[in-house]
């Protein structure tokens, strides 16, 4: 029987979702903080990782409020399932999300991540869920 290779990425402070002191948004932020620079994920992938596959929209709401959260949340690395920068209007400046991605070496064309499939980071897979 082959042994499963463990991911080098681990959730650092996520507790089971049944704990009262952890809100869904806090869990979303903790997953988002694990996204490596130069990689992207989707709202749905984060929802799936947290066991709530149908809650992609709630992940989007969490990302909408991420600008006020400490420690920082790299919300610019979270896009929709097609790689589109659907949350870009929440970044103040119209090009802010795109510029943050470009600083990390991610190419964007027409508000869509180029090579989305290649750059996609699946938290459920990478964090061993």
Protein backbone atom coordinates (compact mmCIF):
# COMPACT_ATOMS: atom_id res chain seq x y z
CA UNK A 1 0.00 0.00 0.00
CA UNK A 2 1.48 3.34 -1.05
CA UNK A 3 1.93 5.97 1.62
CA UNK A 4 0.22 9.28 1.03
CA UNK A 5 2.65 12.18 0.70
CA UNK A 6 1.79 14.93 3.18
CA UNK A 7 1.65 18.50 2.00
CA UNK A 8 4.22 20.97 3.38
CA UNK A 9 1.30 23.38 3.92
CA UNK A 10 -0.70 23.11 7.09
CA UNK A 11 -3.55 25.14 8.53
CA UNK A 12 -2.04 26.97 11.43
CA UNK A 13 -4.98 27.87 13.65
CA UNK A 14 -8.08 26.25 12.24
CA UNK A 15 -10.17 24.47 14.82
CA UNK A 16 -13.10 22.20 14.03
CA UNK A 17 -16.00 24.30 12.77
CA UNK A 18 -18.10 23.21 15.75
CA UNK A 19 -16.09 25.46 18.08
CA UNK A 20 -18.03 28.56 19.09
CA UNK A 21 -14.98 30.85 19.20
CA UNK A 22 -14.21 30.36 15.50
CA UNK A 23 -16.49 32.00 12.96
CA UNK A 24 -16.80 30.82 9.37
CA UNK A 25 -15.11 34.04 8.20
CA UNK A 26 -12.14 33.42 10.51
CA UNK A 27 -11.75 29.92 9.07
CA UNK A 28 -11.89 31.35 5.54
CA UNK A 29 -9.19 33.89 6.42
CA UNK A 30 -6.95 31.20 7.88
CA UNK A 31 -7.21 29.12 4.69
CA UNK A 32 -6.58 32.20 2.52
CA UNK A 33 -3.44 33.03 4.51
CA UNK A 34 -2.00 29.67 3.45
CA UNK A 35 -2.17 30.45 -0.29
CA UNK A 36 1.44 30.69 -1.48
CA UNK A 37 2.65 33.82 -3.27
CA UNK A 38 2.33 33.43 -7.01
CA UNK A 39 -0.62 31.02 -6.71
CA UNK A 40 -4.39 31.55 -6.72
CA UNK A 41 -7.46 29.69 -5.56
CA UNK A 42 -11.21 30.09 -5.89
CA UNK A 43 -14.04 30.93 -3.52
CA UNK A 44 -15.50 27.47 -4.12
CA UNK A 45 -12.21 25.69 -3.40
CA UNK A 46 -11.99 27.40 -0.01
CA UNK A 47 -15.62 26.53 0.74
CA UNK A 48 -14.99 22.91 -0.25
CA UNK A 49 -11.91 22.76 1.97
CA UNK A 50 -14.02 23.88 4.93
CA UNK A 51 -16.64 21.22 4.22
CA UNK A 52 -19.26 23.63 2.92
CA UNK A 53 -19.01 23.14 -0.83
CA UNK A 54 -22.11 25.24 -1.55
CA UNK A 55 -20.85 28.27 0.40
CA UNK A 56 -18.63 29.90 -2.23
CA UNK A 57 -20.70 33.08 -2.02
CA UNK A 58 -20.13 33.27 1.74
CA UNK A 59 -16.38 32.95 1.10
CA UNK A 60 -16.77 35.91 -1.26
CA UNK A 61 -18.44 37.92 1.49
CA UNK A 62 -15.57 37.04 3.82
CA UNK A 63 -13.03 38.18 1.22
CA UNK A 64 -15.00 41.42 0.84
CA UNK A 65 -14.29 42.24 4.49
CA UNK A 66 -10.72 40.92 4.53
CA UNK A 67 -9.13 44.34 4.07
CA UNK A 68 -9.86 45.22 7.70
CA UNK A 69 -8.59 41.95 9.18
CA UNK A 70 -5.34 41.44 11.10
CA UNK A 71 -3.15 39.58 10.40
CA UNK A 72 -3.45 40.44 6.71
CA UNK A 73 -5.40 38.20 4.37
CA UNK A 74 -4.17 37.92 0.74
CA UNK A 75 -7.68 38.29 -0.70
CA UNK A 76 -6.21 39.20 -4.10
CA UNK A 77 -5.23 35.53 -4.51
CA UNK A 78 -8.88 34.41 -4.41
CA UNK A 79 -10.76 34.54 -7.71
CA UNK A 80 -13.87 32.94 -9.15
CA UNK A 81 -13.98 29.40 -10.57
CA UNK A 82 -13.06 30.66 -14.05
CA UNK A 83 -10.07 32.68 -12.88
CA UNK A 84 -11.84 36.02 -13.20
CA UNK A 85 -11.08 38.86 -10.79
CA UNK A 86 -14.71 39.04 -9.72
CA UNK A 87 -13.85 40.71 -6.39
CA UNK A 88 -11.70 43.47 -7.86
CA UNK A 89 -14.22 46.22 -7.14
CA UNK A 90 -13.64 45.68 -3.39
CA UNK A 91 -10.00 46.79 -3.59
CA UNK A 92 -10.54 50.56 -3.73
CA UNK A 93 -8.61 51.28 -6.91
CA UNK A 94 -9.94 49.56 -10.06
CA UNK A 95 -6.56 47.94 -10.86
CA UNK A 96 -5.40 47.19 -7.30
CA UNK A 97 -6.20 43.45 -7.32
CA UNK A 98 -4.59 42.98 -10.74
CA UNK A 99 -1.50 44.94 -9.68
CA UNK A 100 -1.07 42.85 -6.52
CA UNK A 101 -1.25 39.67 -8.60
CA UNK A 102 1.22 41.03 -11.15
CA UNK A 103 3.69 41.83 -8.34
CA UNK A 104 3.64 38.11 -7.56
CA UNK A 105 4.30 37.17 -11.18
CA UNK A 106 0.71 36.28 -12.05
CA UNK A 107 -0.35 37.46 -15.49
CA UNK A 108 -3.84 38.88 -15.94
CA UNK A 109 -5.57 39.56 -19.24
CA UNK A 110 -9.07 41.05 -19.53
CA UNK A 111 -9.61 40.64 -15.77
CA UNK A 112 -8.83 36.91 -15.96
CA UNK A 113 -5.79 35.03 -14.63
CA UNK A 114 -3.63 33.66 -17.45
CA UNK A 115 -2.73 29.98 -16.88
CA UNK A 116 -5.40 29.69 -14.19
CA UNK A 117 -5.26 25.87 -14.16
CA UNK A 118 -1.47 25.87 -13.82
CA UNK A 119 -1.47 28.41 -10.97
CA UNK A 120 -4.51 27.00 -9.16
CA UNK A 121 -3.88 26.03 -5.54
CA UNK A 122 -6.43 23.59 -4.15
CA UNK A 123 -6.51 23.99 -0.36
CA UNK A 124 -8.26 20.67 0.24
CA UNK A 125 -5.52 18.84 -1.65
CA UNK A 126 -2.55 20.94 -0.54
CA UNK A 127 -3.53 21.03 3.13
CA UNK A 128 -4.26 17.31 3.23
CA UNK A 129 -8.04 17.38 3.67
